[in-house]
Amino acid sequence: MTTRHSPKRDAILTTLKDAKGGLSARELHVRLPEVNLVTIYRNLERFVEEGIIKKLNLDGTEAVFEYQRVPHHHAVCTECHKVIHFTAPDEKIKKLLGIEDFDVDELEVTVRGVCNHQK
């Protein structure tokens, strides 16, 4: 299935591409008040199904949706909720996992801890 183009769908995707990090559906709705929230959710799920954007549950609350120009992983501060984007050698991570008889299609790493936000 390929994504059809419409002004609303294009606006949602452009907003995600322009964002610095992920946005929840509600945050997208604040930025695009002319687009119905149900329409936003529907299009987000379609984008995820098509592999255009990633759906992430970083802090245990509402999912965020992120357009990733370069695949990366996330470190989340459990105190201030800052999200740090980082890259890591996926092949090394797959090897460390040591899962036999399993082909990894996609790898997402989320690390939780405390950042240096108080320094």
N, C-alpha and C. Protein backbone atom coordinates (compact mmCIF):
# COMPACT_ATOMS: atom_id res chain seq x y z
N MET A 1 0.85 -1.18 0.00
CA MET A 1 0.00 0.00 0.00
C MET A 1 0.89 1.24 0.00
N THR A 2 0.60 2.17 -0.85
CA THR A 2 1.35 3.42 -0.88
C THR A 2 0.46 4.55 -0.38
N THR A 3 1.10 5.54 0.16
CA THR A 3 0.38 6.66 0.73
C THR A 3 -0.16 7.57 -0.37
N ARG A 4 -1.45 7.83 -0.27
CA ARG A 4 -2.05 8.80 -1.18
C ARG A 4 -1.68 10.19 -0.68
N HIS A 5 -1.61 11.11 -1.61
CA HIS A 5 -1.30 12.48 -1.21
C HIS A 5 -2.59 13.26 -1.03
N SER A 6 -2.64 14.01 0.04
CA SER A 6 -3.73 14.95 0.29
C SER A 6 -3.10 16.10 1.08
N PRO A 7 -3.71 17.25 1.04
CA PRO A 7 -3.13 18.38 1.79
C PRO A 7 -2.96 18.09 3.29
N LYS A 8 -3.94 17.41 3.89
CA LYS A 8 -3.84 17.12 5.32
C LYS A 8 -2.74 16.11 5.61
N ARG A 9 -2.69 15.06 4.81
CA ARG A 9 -1.67 14.04 4.98
C ARG A 9 -0.27 14.64 4.78
N ASP A 10 -0.14 15.46 3.75
CA ASP A 10 1.14 16.12 3.49
C ASP A 10 1.53 17.05 4.64
N ALA A 11 0.55 17.74 5.22
CA ALA A 11 0.82 18.65 6.34
C ALA A 11 1.30 17.88 7.56
N ILE A 12 0.70 16.73 7.82
CA ILE A 12 1.11 15.90 8.96
C ILE A 12 2.54 15.43 8.77
N LEU A 13 2.85 14.91 7.60
CA LEU A 13 4.19 14.40 7.34
C LEU A 13 5.23 15.52 7.36
N THR A 14 4.91 16.65 6.79
CA THR A 14 5.84 17.79 6.79
C THR A 14 6.11 18.26 8.21
N THR A 15 5.08 18.31 9.04
CA THR A 15 5.25 18.73 10.43
C THR A 15 6.17 17.76 11.18
N LEU A 16 6.00 16.46 10.93
CA LEU A 16 6.87 15.47 11.56
C LEU A 16 8.31 15.60 11.06
N LYS A 17 8.48 15.85 9.77
CA LYS A 17 9.83 15.99 9.21
C LYS A 17 10.53 17.23 9.77
N ASP A 18 9.77 18.29 10.04
CA ASP A 18 10.34 19.54 10.54
C ASP A 18 10.59 19.53 12.05
N ALA A 19 9.98 18.58 12.75
CA ALA A 19 10.08 18.54 14.21
C ALA A 19 11.48 18.09 14.64
N LYS A 20 11.89 18.59 15.77
CA LYS A 20 13.15 18.15 16.38
C LYS A 20 12.81 17.03 17.35
N GLY A 21 12.72 15.81 16.85
CA GLY A 21 12.33 14.67 17.68
C GLY A 21 10.90 14.27 17.39
N GLY A 22 10.35 13.42 18.25
CA GLY A 22 9.01 12.89 18.04
C GLY A 22 7.92 13.81 18.56
N LEU A 23 6.73 13.62 17.99
CA LEU A 23 5.54 14.36 18.43
C LEU A 23 4.41 13.38 18.67
N SER A 24 3.60 13.64 19.68
CA SER A 24 2.41 12.84 19.90
C SER A 24 1.32 13.32 18.95
N ALA A 25 0.27 12.53 18.83
CA ALA A 25 -0.85 12.94 17.99
C ALA A 25 -1.45 14.25 18.50
N ARG A 26 -1.53 14.40 19.80
CA ARG A 26 -2.09 15.64 20.37
C ARG A 26 -1.20 16.85 20.08
N GLU A 27 0.12 16.65 20.14
CA GLU A 27 1.04 17.74 19.81
C GLU A 27 0.92 18.12 18.33
N LEU A 28 0.74 17.12 17.48
CA LEU A 28 0.50 17.41 16.06
C LEU A 28 -0.78 18.21 15.89
N HIS A 29 -1.82 17.85 16.64
CA HIS A 29 -3.11 18.54 16.54
C HIS A 29 -2.98 20.01 16.98
N VAL A 30 -2.14 20.27 17.98
CA VAL A 30 -1.91 21.65 18.41
C VAL A 30 -1.24 22.44 17.28
N ARG A 31 -0.31 21.80 16.59
CA ARG A 31 0.39 22.46 15.49
C ARG A 31 -0.45 22.55 14.22
N LEU A 32 -1.41 21.63 14.10
CA LEU A 32 -2.29 21.59 12.91
C LEU A 32 -3.75 21.57 13.36
N PRO A 33 -4.24 22.64 13.97
CA PRO A 33 -5.59 22.63 14.52
C PRO A 33 -6.68 22.45 13.46
N GLU A 34 -6.36 22.72 12.21
CA GLU A 34 -7.34 22.56 11.15
C GLU A 34 -7.54 21.09 10.75
N VAL A 35 -6.68 20.20 11.25
CA VAL A 35 -6.79 18.78 10.93
C VAL A 35 -7.42 18.06 12.12
N ASN A 36 -8.50 17.35 11.87
CA ASN A 36 -9.21 16.61 12.90
C ASN A 36 -8.28 15.60 13.56
N LEU A 37 -8.40 15.44 14.89
CA LEU A 37 -7.52 14.52 15.63
C LEU A 37 -7.66 13.08 15.13
N VAL A 38 -8.86 12.66 14.78
CA VAL A 38 -9.07 11.30 14.25
C VAL A 38 -8.30 11.13 12.93
N THR A 39 -8.32 12.15 12.11
CA THR A 39 -7.57 12.12 10.84
C THR A 39 -6.08 12.00 11.11
N ILE A 40 -5.60 12.70 12.12
CA ILE A 40 -4.18 12.63 12.48
C ILE A 40 -3.83 11.20 12.90
N TYR A 41 -4.62 10.63 13.81
CA TYR A 41 -4.35 9.26 14.26
C TYR A 41 -4.36 8.27 13.10
N ARG A 42 -5.36 8.38 12.24
CA ARG A 42 -5.50 7.46 11.11
C ARG A 42 -4.28 7.54 10.19
N ASN A 43 -3.84 8.75 9.90
CA ASN A 43 -2.69 8.93 9.02
C ASN A 43 -1.39 8.49 9.68
N LEU A 44 -1.25 8.74 10.97
CA LEU A 44 -0.06 8.29 11.67
C LEU A 44 0.08 6.77 11.60
N GLU A 45 -1.01 6.07 11.84
CA GLU A 45 -0.97 4.61 11.79
C GLU A 45 -0.64 4.12 10.38
N ARG A 46 -1.15 4.79 9.37
CA ARG A 46 -0.83 4.41 7.99
C ARG A 46 0.65 4.65 7.70
N PHE A 47 1.18 5.80 8.15
CA PHE A 47 2.60 6.08 7.95
C PHE A 47 3.48 5.02 8.64
N VAL A 48 3.07 4.60 9.84
CA VAL A 48 3.81 3.56 10.57
C VAL A 48 3.76 2.25 9.78
N GLU A 49 2.59 1.85 9.33
CA GLU A 49 2.44 0.62 8.56
C GLU A 49 3.31 0.62 7.32
N GLU A 50 3.45 1.78 6.70
CA GLU A 50 4.23 1.90 5.47
C GLU A 50 5.71 2.11 5.73
N GLY A 51 6.10 2.24 7.00
CA GLY A 51 7.50 2.40 7.34
C GLY A 51 8.05 3.79 7.11
N ILE A 52 7.17 4.77 6.97
CA ILE A 52 7.60 6.15 6.73
C ILE A 52 8.04 6.82 8.02
N ILE A 53 7.34 6.51 9.11
CA ILE A 53 7.67 7.07 10.42
C ILE A 53 7.74 5.94 11.45
N LYS A 54 8.32 6.24 12.60
CA LYS A 54 8.42 5.28 13.70
C LYS A 54 7.47 5.69 14.81
N LYS A 55 6.83 4.70 15.41
CA LYS A 55 6.00 4.92 16.59
C LYS A 55 6.81 4.49 17.79
N LEU A 56 7.01 5.39 18.75
CA LEU A 56 7.86 5.13 19.90
C LEU A 56 7.10 5.37 21.20
N ASN A 57 7.34 4.52 22.18
CA ASN A 57 6.82 4.71 23.53
C ASN A 57 8.01 4.94 24.43
N LEU A 58 8.42 6.19 24.53
CA LEU A 58 9.68 6.50 25.21
C LEU A 58 9.55 6.70 26.71
N ASP A 59 8.45 7.28 27.17
CA ASP A 59 8.37 7.57 28.60
C ASP A 59 7.17 6.93 29.28
N GLY A 60 6.56 5.95 28.64
CA GLY A 60 5.46 5.23 29.27
C GLY A 60 4.13 5.94 29.19
N THR A 61 4.09 7.11 28.57
CA THR A 61 2.81 7.80 28.43
C THR A 61 2.36 7.68 26.98
N GLU A 62 1.97 8.76 26.40
CA GLU A 62 1.46 8.76 25.03
C GLU A 62 2.57 8.46 24.02
N ALA A 63 2.25 7.67 23.02
CA ALA A 63 3.22 7.35 21.97
C ALA A 63 3.59 8.62 21.21
N VAL A 64 4.83 8.65 20.75
CA VAL A 64 5.26 9.73 19.89
C VAL A 64 5.63 9.13 18.53
N PHE A 65 5.53 9.96 17.52
CA PHE A 65 5.78 9.55 16.16
C PHE A 65 6.94 10.38 15.64
N GLU A 66 7.90 9.69 15.01
CA GLU A 66 9.13 10.37 14.63
C GLU A 66 9.52 9.99 13.21
N TYR A 67 9.88 11.00 12.45
CA TYR A 67 10.45 10.79 11.13
C TYR A 67 11.96 10.73 11.33
N GLN A 68 12.57 9.63 10.93
CA GLN A 68 14.01 9.46 11.13
C GLN A 68 14.74 9.52 9.80
N ARG A 69 15.44 10.61 9.59
CA ARG A 69 16.26 10.71 8.37
C ARG A 69 17.38 9.68 8.40
N VAL A 70 17.95 9.48 9.58
CA VAL A 70 18.99 8.48 9.80
C VAL A 70 18.51 7.61 10.96
N PRO A 71 18.50 6.29 10.79
CA PRO A 71 18.07 5.42 11.90
C PRO A 71 18.94 5.66 13.14
N HIS A 72 18.28 5.73 14.29
CA HIS A 72 19.00 5.97 15.54
C HIS A 72 18.24 5.39 16.71
N HIS A 73 18.84 5.46 17.88
CA HIS A 73 18.25 4.94 19.10
C HIS A 73 18.03 6.10 20.07
N HIS A 74 17.49 5.78 21.25
CA HIS A 74 17.10 6.84 22.18
C HIS A 74 17.55 6.53 23.61
N ALA A 75 18.00 7.57 24.31
CA ALA A 75 18.27 7.52 25.74
C ALA A 75 17.29 8.50 26.39
N VAL A 76 16.55 8.03 27.38
CA VAL A 76 15.51 8.85 28.00
C VAL A 76 15.84 9.07 29.47
N CYS A 77 15.88 10.35 29.88
CA CYS A 77 16.11 10.68 31.29
C CYS A 77 14.82 10.42 32.06
N THR A 78 14.91 9.63 33.12
CA THR A 78 13.74 9.29 33.91
C THR A 78 13.32 10.42 34.85
N GLU A 79 14.16 11.46 34.97
CA GLU A 79 13.81 12.58 35.83
C GLU A 79 13.23 13.75 35.05
N CYS A 80 13.95 14.20 34.01
CA CYS A 80 13.48 15.38 33.27
C CYS A 80 12.84 15.03 31.93
N HIS A 81 12.88 13.74 31.56
CA HIS A 81 12.26 13.22 30.33
C HIS A 81 12.94 13.70 29.05
N LYS A 82 14.15 14.23 29.17
CA LYS A 82 14.92 14.60 27.98
C LYS A 82 15.18 13.34 27.16
N VAL A 83 15.10 13.46 25.84
CA VAL A 83 15.39 12.35 24.95
C VAL A 83 16.67 12.69 24.17
N ILE A 84 17.63 11.80 24.26
CA ILE A 84 18.90 11.96 23.55
C ILE A 84 18.93 10.94 22.43
N HIS A 85 19.21 11.40 21.23
CA HIS A 85 19.31 10.52 20.07
C HIS A 85 20.76 10.08 19.91
N PHE A 86 20.97 8.79 19.67
CA PHE A 86 22.33 8.30 19.46
C PHE A 86 22.33 7.17 18.44
N THR A 87 23.46 6.98 17.81
CA THR A 87 23.61 5.86 16.90
C THR A 87 24.54 4.83 17.55
N ALA A 88 24.35 3.60 17.17
CA ALA A 88 25.17 2.51 17.66
C ALA A 88 25.27 1.49 16.53
N PRO A 89 26.35 0.74 16.48
CA PRO A 89 26.51 -0.24 15.41
C PRO A 89 25.53 -1.41 15.58
N ASP A 90 24.46 -1.38 14.79
CA ASP A 90 23.41 -2.38 14.91
C ASP A 90 23.93 -3.81 14.77
N GLU A 91 24.89 -4.03 13.88
CA GLU A 91 25.42 -5.38 13.70
C GLU A 91 26.07 -5.89 14.98
N LYS A 92 26.77 -5.02 15.69
CA LYS A 92 27.40 -5.43 16.96
C LYS A 92 26.33 -5.74 18.01
N ILE A 93 25.27 -4.92 18.03
CA ILE A 93 24.19 -5.16 18.99
C ILE A 93 23.52 -6.50 18.70
N LYS A 94 23.25 -6.79 17.43
CA LYS A 94 22.64 -8.07 17.06
C LYS A 94 23.52 -9.23 17.51
N LYS A 95 24.83 -9.08 17.33
CA LYS A 95 25.76 -10.14 17.73
C LYS A 95 25.73 -10.32 19.26
N LEU A 96 25.71 -9.20 20.00
CA LEU A 96 25.66 -9.27 21.46
C LEU A 96 24.39 -9.94 21.97
N LEU A 97 23.29 -9.75 21.26
CA LEU A 97 22.03 -10.37 21.68
C LEU A 97 22.13 -11.89 21.66
N GLY A 98 22.88 -12.42 20.71
CA GLY A 98 23.10 -13.86 20.66
C GLY A 98 21.86 -14.69 20.43
N ILE A 99 20.90 -14.16 19.71
CA ILE A 99 19.67 -14.90 19.44
C ILE A 99 19.89 -15.75 18.19
N GLU A 100 19.88 -17.05 18.37
CA GLU A 100 20.09 -17.95 17.24
C GLU A 100 18.77 -18.23 16.54
N ASP A 101 18.86 -18.60 15.27
CA ASP A 101 17.68 -18.96 14.47
C ASP A 101 16.64 -17.84 14.45
N PHE A 102 17.13 -16.61 14.35
CA PHE A 102 16.23 -15.46 14.32
C PHE A 102 16.86 -14.36 13.48
N ASP A 103 16.14 -13.92 12.45
CA ASP A 103 16.63 -12.84 11.60
C ASP A 103 16.02 -11.53 12.08
N VAL A 104 16.85 -10.62 12.55
CA VAL A 104 16.39 -9.33 13.04
C VAL A 104 16.14 -8.40 11.85
N ASP A 105 14.90 -7.94 11.71
CA ASP A 105 14.54 -7.00 10.64
C ASP A 105 14.77 -5.56 11.05
N GLU A 106 14.52 -5.29 12.31
CA GLU A 106 14.60 -3.92 12.79
C GLU A 106 15.06 -3.95 14.24
N LEU A 107 15.86 -2.96 14.59
CA LEU A 107 16.40 -2.91 15.94
C LEU A 107 16.14 -1.53 16.52
N GLU A 108 15.48 -1.48 17.67
CA GLU A 108 15.22 -0.22 18.35
C GLU A 108 15.73 -0.36 19.79
N VAL A 109 16.63 0.52 20.17
CA VAL A 109 17.18 0.49 21.52
C VAL A 109 16.73 1.75 22.25
N THR A 110 16.14 1.57 23.43
CA THR A 110 15.80 2.69 24.29
C THR A 110 16.48 2.46 25.63
N VAL A 111 17.32 3.40 26.00
CA VAL A 111 18.07 3.33 27.25
C VAL A 111 17.46 4.34 28.21
N ARG A 112 17.21 3.91 29.44
CA ARG A 112 16.65 4.82 30.45
C ARG A 112 17.67 5.03 31.56
N GLY A 113 17.71 6.25 32.05
CA GLY A 113 18.65 6.59 33.12
C GLY A 113 18.48 8.06 33.46
N VAL A 114 19.52 8.67 34.01
CA VAL A 114 19.46 10.07 34.42
C VAL A 114 20.55 10.84 33.68
N CYS A 115 20.14 11.94 33.05
CA CYS A 115 21.09 12.77 32.33
C CYS A 115 21.74 13.77 33.29
N ASN A 116 22.57 14.61 32.75
CA ASN A 116 23.28 15.62 33.56
C ASN A 116 22.49 16.92 33.65
N HIS A 117 21.17 16.86 33.66
CA HIS A 117 20.34 18.07 33.61
C HIS A 117 20.49 18.98 34.83
N GLN A 118 20.97 18.48 35.94
CA GLN A 118 21.09 19.29 37.15
C GLN A 118 22.45 19.95 37.28
N LYS A 119 23.36 19.66 36.37
CA LYS A 119 24.71 20.23 36.47
C LYS A 119 24.78 21.58 35.82
